[in-house]
Amino acid sequence: MINEIDEIRRVLVQSKIIAVVGLSANWWRPSFFAAKYMQDHGYRIIPVNPNYETVLGETCYPTLEAIPSDIAVDMVDVFQRPEATPPLAESAVGIGAKVFWLQLGVVNDDAARIAHSGGLDVVADRCVKIEHGRLLGGLGLFGVTTNVISAKRPKWLVY
């Protein structure tokens, strides 16, 4: 499993097409928030959820295998329970992904072993959005980029 900062940064720089398994169309869900952030930062998001036809303006696929072969998925980002991840690791290997990323709170040694044995880099128990913001400069006050540089404290800030 990848835990080194330089390796996580490399993965984020090299992975431009991200299949997000369990992506919700509800804006208040963590999967939507993280995927929207990544999309806004130049990544192509491929939603994988059998409950929707489209999410974030992209066609939503019911499984990883349903993604057309002309879409070269770099990363599979998983928003699922840990016990659901081993078959997803097998699918990620099967579609030729390069990275298998398990979100915060999602850890499964069997899934990590399957993905790693299939040649994928594995990141577990980390959030793509948080790591991108932390390592590639998208993090600002309260976790959002304000595009304002100032030494003055905002008047709306309660302190």
N, C-alpha and C. Protein backbone atom coordinates (compact mmCIF):
# COMPACT_ATOMS: atom_id res chain seq x y z
N MET A 1 0.83 -1.19 0.00
CA MET A 1 0.00 0.00 0.00
C MET A 1 0.87 1.25 0.00
N ILE A 2 0.39 2.24 -0.70
CA ILE A 2 1.12 3.50 -0.79
C ILE A 2 0.75 4.38 0.41
N ASN A 3 1.78 4.84 1.12
CA ASN A 3 1.56 5.75 2.24
C ASN A 3 2.48 6.96 2.18
N GLU A 4 3.49 6.89 1.33
CA GLU A 4 4.46 7.98 1.23
C GLU A 4 3.86 9.16 0.46
N ILE A 5 4.14 10.36 0.92
CA ILE A 5 3.59 11.56 0.31
C ILE A 5 3.98 11.68 -1.16
N ASP A 6 5.24 11.41 -1.48
CA ASP A 6 5.68 11.52 -2.88
C ASP A 6 4.94 10.55 -3.78
N GLU A 7 4.66 9.36 -3.29
CA GLU A 7 3.94 8.36 -4.08
C GLU A 7 2.48 8.76 -4.27
N ILE A 8 1.86 9.28 -3.24
CA ILE A 8 0.46 9.74 -3.36
C ILE A 8 0.39 10.90 -4.34
N ARG A 9 1.34 11.81 -4.26
CA ARG A 9 1.38 12.94 -5.19
C ARG A 9 1.53 12.43 -6.63
N ARG A 10 2.44 11.46 -6.85
CA ARG A 10 2.64 10.88 -8.18
C ARG A 10 1.34 10.29 -8.71
N VAL A 11 0.63 9.55 -7.86
CA VAL A 11 -0.63 8.93 -8.26
C VAL A 11 -1.64 10.00 -8.67
N LEU A 12 -1.74 11.07 -7.90
CA LEU A 12 -2.70 12.13 -8.21
C LEU A 12 -2.33 12.88 -9.49
N VAL A 13 -1.05 13.05 -9.75
CA VAL A 13 -0.61 13.75 -10.96
C VAL A 13 -0.83 12.88 -12.19
N GLN A 14 -0.58 11.59 -12.08
CA GLN A 14 -0.66 10.70 -13.24
C GLN A 14 -2.07 10.21 -13.55
N SER A 15 -2.96 10.22 -12.58
CA SER A 15 -4.32 9.68 -12.77
C SER A 15 -5.26 10.79 -13.19
N LYS A 16 -5.67 10.78 -14.45
CA LYS A 16 -6.54 11.84 -14.96
C LYS A 16 -7.99 11.39 -15.17
N ILE A 17 -8.22 10.09 -15.26
CA ILE A 17 -9.58 9.57 -15.42
C ILE A 17 -9.87 8.69 -14.21
N ILE A 18 -10.88 9.10 -13.42
CA ILE A 18 -11.18 8.41 -12.17
C ILE A 18 -12.59 7.83 -12.22
N ALA A 19 -12.69 6.52 -12.07
CA ALA A 19 -13.99 5.86 -11.94
C ALA A 19 -14.33 5.87 -10.46
N VAL A 20 -15.44 6.50 -10.11
CA VAL A 20 -15.83 6.61 -8.70
C VAL A 20 -16.98 5.62 -8.44
N VAL A 21 -16.65 4.55 -7.72
CA VAL A 21 -17.63 3.51 -7.41
C VAL A 21 -18.43 3.94 -6.19
N GLY A 22 -19.75 4.01 -6.36
CA GLY A 22 -20.63 4.44 -5.27
C GLY A 22 -20.89 5.94 -5.29
N LEU A 23 -20.59 6.59 -6.42
CA LEU A 23 -20.82 8.03 -6.53
C LEU A 23 -22.32 8.32 -6.48
N SER A 24 -22.69 9.19 -5.57
CA SER A 24 -24.09 9.57 -5.40
C SER A 24 -24.38 10.84 -6.19
N ALA A 25 -25.61 10.98 -6.65
CA ALA A 25 -26.04 12.20 -7.33
C ALA A 25 -26.51 13.26 -6.33
N ASN A 26 -26.53 12.91 -5.06
CA ASN A 26 -26.95 13.85 -4.01
C ASN A 26 -25.76 14.72 -3.61
N TRP A 27 -25.91 16.04 -3.77
CA TRP A 27 -24.81 16.96 -3.55
C TRP A 27 -24.25 16.92 -2.13
N TRP A 28 -25.04 16.51 -1.16
CA TRP A 28 -24.59 16.53 0.23
C TRP A 28 -23.80 15.27 0.62
N ARG A 29 -23.70 14.30 -0.27
CA ARG A 29 -22.96 13.07 0.03
C ARG A 29 -21.45 13.29 -0.18
N PRO A 30 -20.62 12.70 0.67
CA PRO A 30 -19.17 12.86 0.52
C PRO A 30 -18.65 12.45 -0.87
N SER A 31 -19.23 11.40 -1.45
CA SER A 31 -18.76 10.95 -2.76
C SER A 31 -18.98 12.04 -3.81
N PHE A 32 -20.13 12.71 -3.77
CA PHE A 32 -20.42 13.78 -4.72
C PHE A 32 -19.47 14.95 -4.52
N PHE A 33 -19.29 15.34 -3.27
CA PHE A 33 -18.44 16.48 -2.94
C PHE A 33 -17.01 16.24 -3.42
N ALA A 34 -16.47 15.05 -3.15
CA ALA A 34 -15.10 14.72 -3.55
C ALA A 34 -14.98 14.65 -5.08
N ALA A 35 -15.94 14.00 -5.73
CA ALA A 35 -15.88 13.86 -7.19
C ALA A 35 -16.03 15.22 -7.88
N LYS A 36 -16.91 16.06 -7.38
CA LYS A 36 -17.10 17.40 -7.95
C LYS A 36 -15.81 18.21 -7.82
N TYR A 37 -15.19 18.13 -6.67
CA TYR A 37 -13.92 18.83 -6.45
C TYR A 37 -12.88 18.37 -7.47
N MET A 38 -12.74 17.05 -7.64
CA MET A 38 -11.74 16.52 -8.57
C MET A 38 -12.08 16.92 -10.01
N GLN A 39 -13.37 16.89 -10.36
CA GLN A 39 -13.79 17.30 -11.69
C GLN A 39 -13.44 18.78 -11.92
N ASP A 40 -13.67 19.59 -10.92
CA ASP A 40 -13.36 21.02 -11.02
C ASP A 40 -11.86 21.28 -11.13
N HIS A 41 -11.05 20.29 -10.78
CA HIS A 41 -9.60 20.43 -10.86
C HIS A 41 -9.01 19.67 -12.05
N GLY A 42 -9.85 19.42 -13.07
CA GLY A 42 -9.35 18.90 -14.33
C GLY A 42 -9.38 17.40 -14.53
N TYR A 43 -9.91 16.67 -13.57
CA TYR A 43 -10.00 15.21 -13.70
C TYR A 43 -11.33 14.84 -14.35
N ARG A 44 -11.31 13.77 -15.14
CA ARG A 44 -12.56 13.27 -15.70
C ARG A 44 -13.10 12.23 -14.71
N ILE A 45 -14.33 12.41 -14.32
CA ILE A 45 -14.99 11.51 -13.38
C ILE A 45 -15.93 10.59 -14.14
N ILE A 46 -15.78 9.28 -13.91
CA ILE A 46 -16.67 8.28 -14.50
C ILE A 46 -17.48 7.69 -13.35
N PRO A 47 -18.76 8.05 -13.24
CA PRO A 47 -19.59 7.54 -12.15
C PRO A 47 -19.92 6.05 -12.33
N VAL A 48 -19.85 5.30 -11.23
CA VAL A 48 -20.21 3.89 -11.24
C VAL A 48 -21.22 3.67 -10.12
N ASN A 49 -22.48 3.56 -10.52
CA ASN A 49 -23.57 3.36 -9.57
C ASN A 49 -24.81 2.93 -10.37
N PRO A 50 -25.35 1.76 -10.08
CA PRO A 50 -26.50 1.29 -10.86
C PRO A 50 -27.79 2.08 -10.64
N ASN A 51 -27.80 3.01 -9.70
CA ASN A 51 -29.01 3.76 -9.37
C ASN A 51 -29.24 5.02 -10.20
N TYR A 52 -28.26 5.39 -11.03
CA TYR A 52 -28.37 6.64 -11.78
C TYR A 52 -28.02 6.44 -13.25
N GLU A 53 -28.53 7.34 -14.10
CA GLU A 53 -28.17 7.35 -15.52
C GLU A 53 -27.01 8.31 -15.77
N THR A 54 -27.02 9.45 -15.07
CA THR A 54 -25.93 10.41 -15.18
C THR A 54 -25.66 11.01 -13.81
N VAL A 55 -24.41 11.39 -13.60
CA VAL A 55 -24.00 12.13 -12.41
C VAL A 55 -22.89 13.07 -12.84
N LEU A 56 -22.95 14.31 -12.42
CA LEU A 56 -21.95 15.33 -12.75
C LEU A 56 -21.74 15.48 -14.26
N GLY A 57 -22.82 15.30 -15.02
CA GLY A 57 -22.76 15.47 -16.45
C GLY A 57 -22.12 14.31 -17.21
N GLU A 58 -21.82 13.23 -16.53
CA GLU A 58 -21.19 12.05 -17.15
C GLU A 58 -22.16 10.87 -17.10
N THR A 59 -22.10 10.02 -18.09
CA THR A 59 -22.88 8.78 -18.09
C THR A 59 -22.46 7.94 -16.90
N CYS A 60 -23.44 7.42 -16.20
CA CYS A 60 -23.19 6.58 -15.03
C CYS A 60 -23.31 5.12 -15.44
N TYR A 61 -22.35 4.31 -15.04
CA TYR A 61 -22.33 2.89 -15.39
C TYR A 61 -22.65 2.05 -14.17
N PRO A 62 -23.34 0.91 -14.38
CA PRO A 62 -23.73 0.08 -13.24
C PRO A 62 -22.56 -0.67 -12.60
N THR A 63 -21.52 -0.97 -13.38
CA THR A 63 -20.34 -1.70 -12.89
C THR A 63 -19.10 -1.15 -13.57
N LEU A 64 -17.96 -1.49 -13.05
CA LEU A 64 -16.71 -1.10 -13.70
C LEU A 64 -16.58 -1.73 -15.08
N GLU A 65 -17.02 -2.99 -15.19
CA GLU A 65 -16.93 -3.69 -16.47
C GLU A 65 -17.81 -3.06 -17.55
N ALA A 66 -18.83 -2.31 -17.16
CA ALA A 66 -19.73 -1.68 -18.13
C ALA A 66 -19.13 -0.41 -18.75
N ILE A 67 -18.04 0.09 -18.18
CA ILE A 67 -17.39 1.27 -18.74
C ILE A 67 -16.81 0.88 -20.10
N PRO A 68 -17.09 1.65 -21.16
CA PRO A 68 -16.56 1.31 -22.49
C PRO A 68 -15.04 1.21 -22.48
N SER A 69 -14.53 0.26 -23.25
CA SER A 69 -13.08 0.01 -23.26
C SER A 69 -12.28 1.17 -23.83
N ASP A 70 -12.93 2.10 -24.55
CA ASP A 70 -12.19 3.25 -25.07
C ASP A 70 -11.96 4.32 -24.00
N ILE A 71 -12.52 4.14 -22.82
CA ILE A 71 -12.26 5.03 -21.69
C ILE A 71 -11.20 4.35 -20.83
N ALA A 72 -10.00 4.88 -20.86
CA ALA A 72 -8.87 4.29 -20.13
C ALA A 72 -8.87 4.80 -18.69
N VAL A 73 -9.50 4.06 -17.81
CA VAL A 73 -9.60 4.44 -16.40
C VAL A 73 -8.23 4.33 -15.74
N ASP A 74 -7.78 5.43 -15.15
CA ASP A 74 -6.49 5.43 -14.43
C ASP A 74 -6.66 4.98 -12.99
N MET A 75 -7.72 5.46 -12.36
CA MET A 75 -7.93 5.20 -10.93
C MET A 75 -9.35 4.74 -10.68
N VAL A 76 -9.49 3.76 -9.80
CA VAL A 76 -10.80 3.36 -9.29
C VAL A 76 -10.87 3.84 -7.85
N ASP A 77 -11.75 4.80 -7.58
CA ASP A 77 -11.92 5.41 -6.27
C ASP A 77 -13.19 4.81 -5.66
N VAL A 78 -13.06 4.17 -4.49
CA VAL A 78 -14.15 3.36 -3.95
C VAL A 78 -14.80 4.00 -2.72
N PHE A 79 -16.10 4.28 -2.83
CA PHE A 79 -16.95 4.73 -1.73
C PHE A 79 -17.92 3.59 -1.41
N GLN A 80 -17.42 2.51 -0.85
CA GLN A 80 -18.23 1.34 -0.52
C GLN A 80 -17.76 0.77 0.82
N ARG A 81 -18.57 -0.08 1.42
CA ARG A 81 -18.18 -0.75 2.66
C ARG A 81 -16.96 -1.63 2.40
N PRO A 82 -16.09 -1.79 3.39
CA PRO A 82 -14.88 -2.61 3.20
C PRO A 82 -15.17 -4.02 2.69
N GLU A 83 -16.23 -4.65 3.18
CA GLU A 83 -16.52 -6.03 2.76
C GLU A 83 -16.94 -6.13 1.29
N ALA A 84 -17.29 -5.02 0.67
CA ALA A 84 -17.68 -5.03 -0.74
C ALA A 84 -16.50 -4.80 -1.69
N THR A 85 -15.31 -4.58 -1.13
CA THR A 85 -14.19 -4.15 -1.97
C THR A 85 -13.40 -5.26 -2.69
N PRO A 86 -13.31 -6.50 -2.19
CA PRO A 86 -12.53 -7.50 -2.95
C PRO A 86 -13.01 -7.71 -4.40
N PRO A 87 -14.32 -7.85 -4.64
CA PRO A 87 -14.75 -7.98 -6.04
C PRO A 87 -14.45 -6.72 -6.86
N LEU A 88 -14.49 -5.56 -6.21
CA LEU A 88 -14.17 -4.32 -6.91
C LEU A 88 -12.69 -4.27 -7.29
N ALA A 89 -11.84 -4.82 -6.43
CA ALA A 89 -10.40 -4.90 -6.74
C ALA A 89 -10.19 -5.79 -7.96
N GLU A 90 -10.90 -6.91 -8.02
CA GLU A 90 -10.81 -7.81 -9.17
C GLU A 90 -11.26 -7.09 -10.45
N SER A 91 -12.34 -6.34 -10.34
CA SER A 91 -12.84 -5.58 -11.49
C SER A 91 -11.86 -4.50 -11.92
N ALA A 92 -11.25 -3.82 -10.95
CA ALA A 92 -10.27 -2.78 -11.28
C ALA A 92 -9.10 -3.36 -12.04
N VAL A 93 -8.64 -4.53 -11.60
CA VAL A 93 -7.56 -5.22 -12.33
C VAL A 93 -8.05 -5.59 -13.73
N GLY A 94 -9.26 -6.10 -13.81
CA GLY A 94 -9.83 -6.55 -15.08
C GLY A 94 -9.98 -5.46 -16.12
N ILE A 95 -10.27 -4.22 -15.70
CA ILE A 95 -10.45 -3.14 -16.67
C ILE A 95 -9.13 -2.43 -16.98
N GLY A 96 -8.05 -2.83 -16.32
CA GLY A 96 -6.75 -2.24 -16.60
C GLY A 96 -6.46 -0.93 -15.90
N ALA A 97 -7.13 -0.69 -14.78
CA ALA A 97 -6.84 0.53 -14.01
C ALA A 97 -5.41 0.45 -13.48
N LYS A 98 -4.88 1.58 -13.09
CA LYS A 98 -3.53 1.63 -12.55
C LYS A 98 -3.50 1.82 -11.04
N VAL A 99 -4.60 2.37 -10.49
CA VAL A 99 -4.66 2.69 -9.06
C VAL A 99 -5.98 2.22 -8.49
N PHE A 100 -5.93 1.63 -7.30
CA PHE A 100 -7.12 1.23 -6.56
C PHE A 100 -7.09 2.04 -5.27
N TRP A 101 -8.03 3.00 -5.15
CA TRP A 101 -8.05 3.94 -4.03
C TRP A 101 -9.28 3.67 -3.17
N LEU A 102 -9.06 3.38 -1.90
CA LEU A 102 -10.15 3.16 -0.94
C LEU A 102 -10.27 4.41 -0.07
N GLN A 103 -11.47 4.95 -0.01
CA GLN A 103 -11.70 6.20 0.70
C GLN A 103 -11.53 6.07 2.21
N LEU A 104 -11.63 7.21 2.89
CA LEU A 104 -11.49 7.25 4.35
C LEU A 104 -12.41 6.23 5.02
N GLY A 105 -11.85 5.46 5.93
CA GLY A 105 -12.63 4.47 6.65
C GLY A 105 -12.79 3.15 5.91
N VAL A 106 -12.28 3.06 4.70
CA VAL A 106 -12.42 1.83 3.91
C VAL A 106 -11.05 1.14 3.85
N VAL A 107 -10.95 0.04 4.57
CA VAL A 107 -9.71 -0.75 4.60
C VAL A 107 -10.09 -2.21 4.48
N ASN A 108 -9.48 -2.90 3.52
CA ASN A 108 -9.71 -4.34 3.35
C ASN A 108 -8.41 -4.94 2.80
N ASP A 109 -7.74 -5.74 3.64
CA ASP A 109 -6.46 -6.32 3.25
C ASP A 109 -6.58 -7.25 2.05
N ASP A 110 -7.68 -7.99 1.96
CA ASP A 110 -7.88 -8.89 0.82
C ASP A 110 -7.99 -8.10 -0.48
N ALA A 111 -8.76 -7.03 -0.46
CA ALA A 111 -8.91 -6.19 -1.65
C ALA A 111 -7.56 -5.56 -2.04
N ALA A 112 -6.83 -5.09 -1.05
CA ALA A 112 -5.51 -4.50 -1.32
C ALA A 112 -4.58 -5.53 -1.93
N ARG A 113 -4.61 -6.74 -1.43
CA ARG A 113 -3.76 -7.81 -1.94
C ARG A 113 -4.12 -8.16 -3.39
N ILE A 114 -5.41 -8.25 -3.66
CA ILE A 114 -5.87 -8.55 -5.03
C ILE A 114 -5.41 -7.47 -6.00
N ALA A 115 -5.63 -6.21 -5.63
CA ALA A 115 -5.25 -5.10 -6.50
C ALA A 115 -3.73 -5.05 -6.69
N HIS A 116 -2.99 -5.19 -5.61
CA HIS A 116 -1.54 -5.13 -5.69
C HIS A 116 -1.00 -6.28 -6.53
N SER A 117 -1.55 -7.48 -6.35
CA SER A 117 -1.13 -8.65 -7.14
C SER A 117 -1.43 -8.44 -8.62
N GLY A 118 -2.46 -7.65 -8.91
CA GLY A 118 -2.82 -7.36 -10.30
C GLY A 118 -2.03 -6.20 -10.90
N GLY A 119 -1.07 -5.67 -10.14
CA GLY A 119 -0.20 -4.62 -10.65
C GLY A 119 -0.66 -3.20 -10.37
N LEU A 120 -1.68 -3.04 -9.55
CA LEU A 120 -2.19 -1.70 -9.25
C LEU A 120 -1.52 -1.12 -8.02
N ASP A 121 -1.34 0.21 -8.03
CA ASP A 121 -0.96 0.91 -6.82
C ASP A 121 -2.20 0.94 -5.94
N VAL A 122 -2.02 0.81 -4.63
CA VAL A 122 -3.15 0.78 -3.71
C VAL A 122 -2.99 1.87 -2.66
N VAL A 123 -4.04 2.66 -2.49
CA VAL A 123 -4.10 3.66 -1.43
C VAL A 123 -5.36 3.36 -0.64
N ALA A 124 -5.25 3.29 0.68
CA ALA A 124 -6.42 2.97 1.50
C ALA A 124 -6.58 3.96 2.65
N ASP A 125 -7.83 4.14 3.05
CA ASP A 125 -8.17 4.97 4.20
C ASP A 125 -7.72 6.41 4.03
N ARG A 126 -7.83 6.91 2.81
CA ARG A 126 -7.50 8.30 2.50
C ARG A 126 -8.53 8.86 1.53
N CYS A 127 -8.74 10.16 1.59
CA CYS A 127 -9.69 10.82 0.70
C CYS A 127 -8.94 11.48 -0.45
N VAL A 128 -9.36 11.20 -1.67
CA VAL A 128 -8.74 11.78 -2.86
C VAL A 128 -8.78 13.30 -2.81
N LYS A 129 -9.92 13.86 -2.42
CA LYS A 129 -10.07 15.31 -2.37
C LYS A 129 -9.13 15.94 -1.34
N ILE A 130 -9.08 15.35 -0.16
CA ILE A 130 -8.22 15.88 0.90
C ILE A 130 -6.75 15.80 0.48
N GLU A 131 -6.35 14.65 -0.07
CA GLU A 131 -4.96 14.48 -0.48
C GLU A 131 -4.60 15.41 -1.62
N HIS A 132 -5.51 15.61 -2.57
CA HIS A 132 -5.24 16.53 -3.67
C HIS A 132 -5.05 17.94 -3.12
N GLY A 133 -5.96 18.37 -2.28
CA GLY A 133 -5.86 19.70 -1.70
C GLY A 133 -4.59 19.90 -0.89
N ARG A 134 -4.24 18.88 -0.13
CA ARG A 134 -3.06 18.95 0.74
C ARG A 134 -1.76 18.93 -0.07
N LEU A 135 -1.71 18.11 -1.09
CA LEU A 135 -0.44 17.90 -1.81
C LEU A 135 -0.29 18.69 -3.10
N LEU A 136 -1.41 19.12 -3.68
CA LEU A 136 -1.33 19.83 -4.96
C LEU A 136 -1.90 21.24 -4.90
N GLY A 137 -2.10 21.77 -3.70
CA GLY A 137 -2.41 23.17 -3.53
C GLY A 137 -3.85 23.60 -3.67
N GLY A 138 -4.81 22.70 -3.56
CA GLY A 138 -6.20 23.10 -3.69
C GLY A 138 -6.88 23.36 -2.36
N LEU A 139 -6.12 23.39 -1.28
CA LEU A 139 -6.72 23.52 0.04
C LEU A 139 -6.52 24.94 0.57
N GLY A 140 -7.60 25.53 1.02
CA GLY A 140 -7.53 26.86 1.58
C GLY A 140 -8.30 26.90 2.88
N LEU A 141 -8.79 28.04 3.23
CA LEU A 141 -9.56 28.22 4.45
C LEU A 141 -10.76 27.29 4.47
N PHE A 142 -10.90 26.49 5.49
CA PHE A 142 -12.00 25.54 5.66
C PHE A 142 -12.06 24.49 4.56
N GLY A 143 -10.94 24.25 3.87
CA GLY A 143 -10.91 23.20 2.86
C GLY A 143 -11.40 23.63 1.49
N VAL A 144 -11.58 24.92 1.29
CA VAL A 144 -11.99 25.40 -0.04
C VAL A 144 -11.04 26.49 -0.48
N THR A 145 -10.86 26.64 -1.76
CA THR A 145 -9.99 27.68 -2.30
C THR A 145 -10.78 28.97 -2.38
N THR A 146 -10.25 30.00 -1.76
CA THR A 146 -10.95 31.28 -1.75
C THR A 146 -10.42 32.22 -2.83
N ASN A 147 -9.21 31.96 -3.37
CA ASN A 147 -8.56 32.82 -4.34
C ASN A 147 -8.33 34.23 -3.82
N VAL A 148 -8.32 34.39 -2.49
CA VAL A 148 -8.08 35.67 -1.87
C VAL A 148 -6.86 35.53 -0.97
N ILE A 149 -5.87 36.37 -1.22
CA ILE A 149 -4.68 36.37 -0.37
C ILE A 149 -4.73 37.63 0.47
N SER A 150 -4.80 37.45 1.77
CA SER A 150 -4.91 38.59 2.65
C SER A 150 -4.43 38.21 4.03
N ALA A 151 -3.85 39.18 4.73
CA ALA A 151 -3.42 38.96 6.11
C ALA A 151 -4.55 39.31 7.07
N LYS A 152 -5.64 39.86 6.53
CA LYS A 152 -6.75 40.26 7.37
C LYS A 152 -7.72 39.10 7.55
N ARG A 153 -8.23 38.96 8.75
CA ARG A 153 -9.22 37.93 9.04
C ARG A 153 -10.56 38.36 8.45
N PRO A 154 -11.27 37.44 7.75
CA PRO A 154 -12.57 37.81 7.17
C PRO A 154 -13.56 38.25 8.26
N LYS A 155 -14.36 39.26 7.97
CA LYS A 155 -15.32 39.76 8.95
C LYS A 155 -16.42 38.74 9.25
N TRP A 156 -16.71 37.83 8.31
CA TRP A 156 -17.75 36.85 8.51
C TRP A 156 -17.29 35.68 9.38
N LEU A 157 -15.98 35.58 9.61
CA LEU A 157 -15.43 34.47 10.37
C LEU A 157 -15.75 34.64 11.85
N VAL A 158 -16.38 33.67 12.43
CA VAL A 158 -16.70 33.72 13.86
C VAL A 158 -15.49 33.21 14.63
N TYR A 159 -14.99 34.02 15.57
CA TYR A 159 -13.82 33.63 16.35
C TYR A 159 -13.87 34.19 17.74
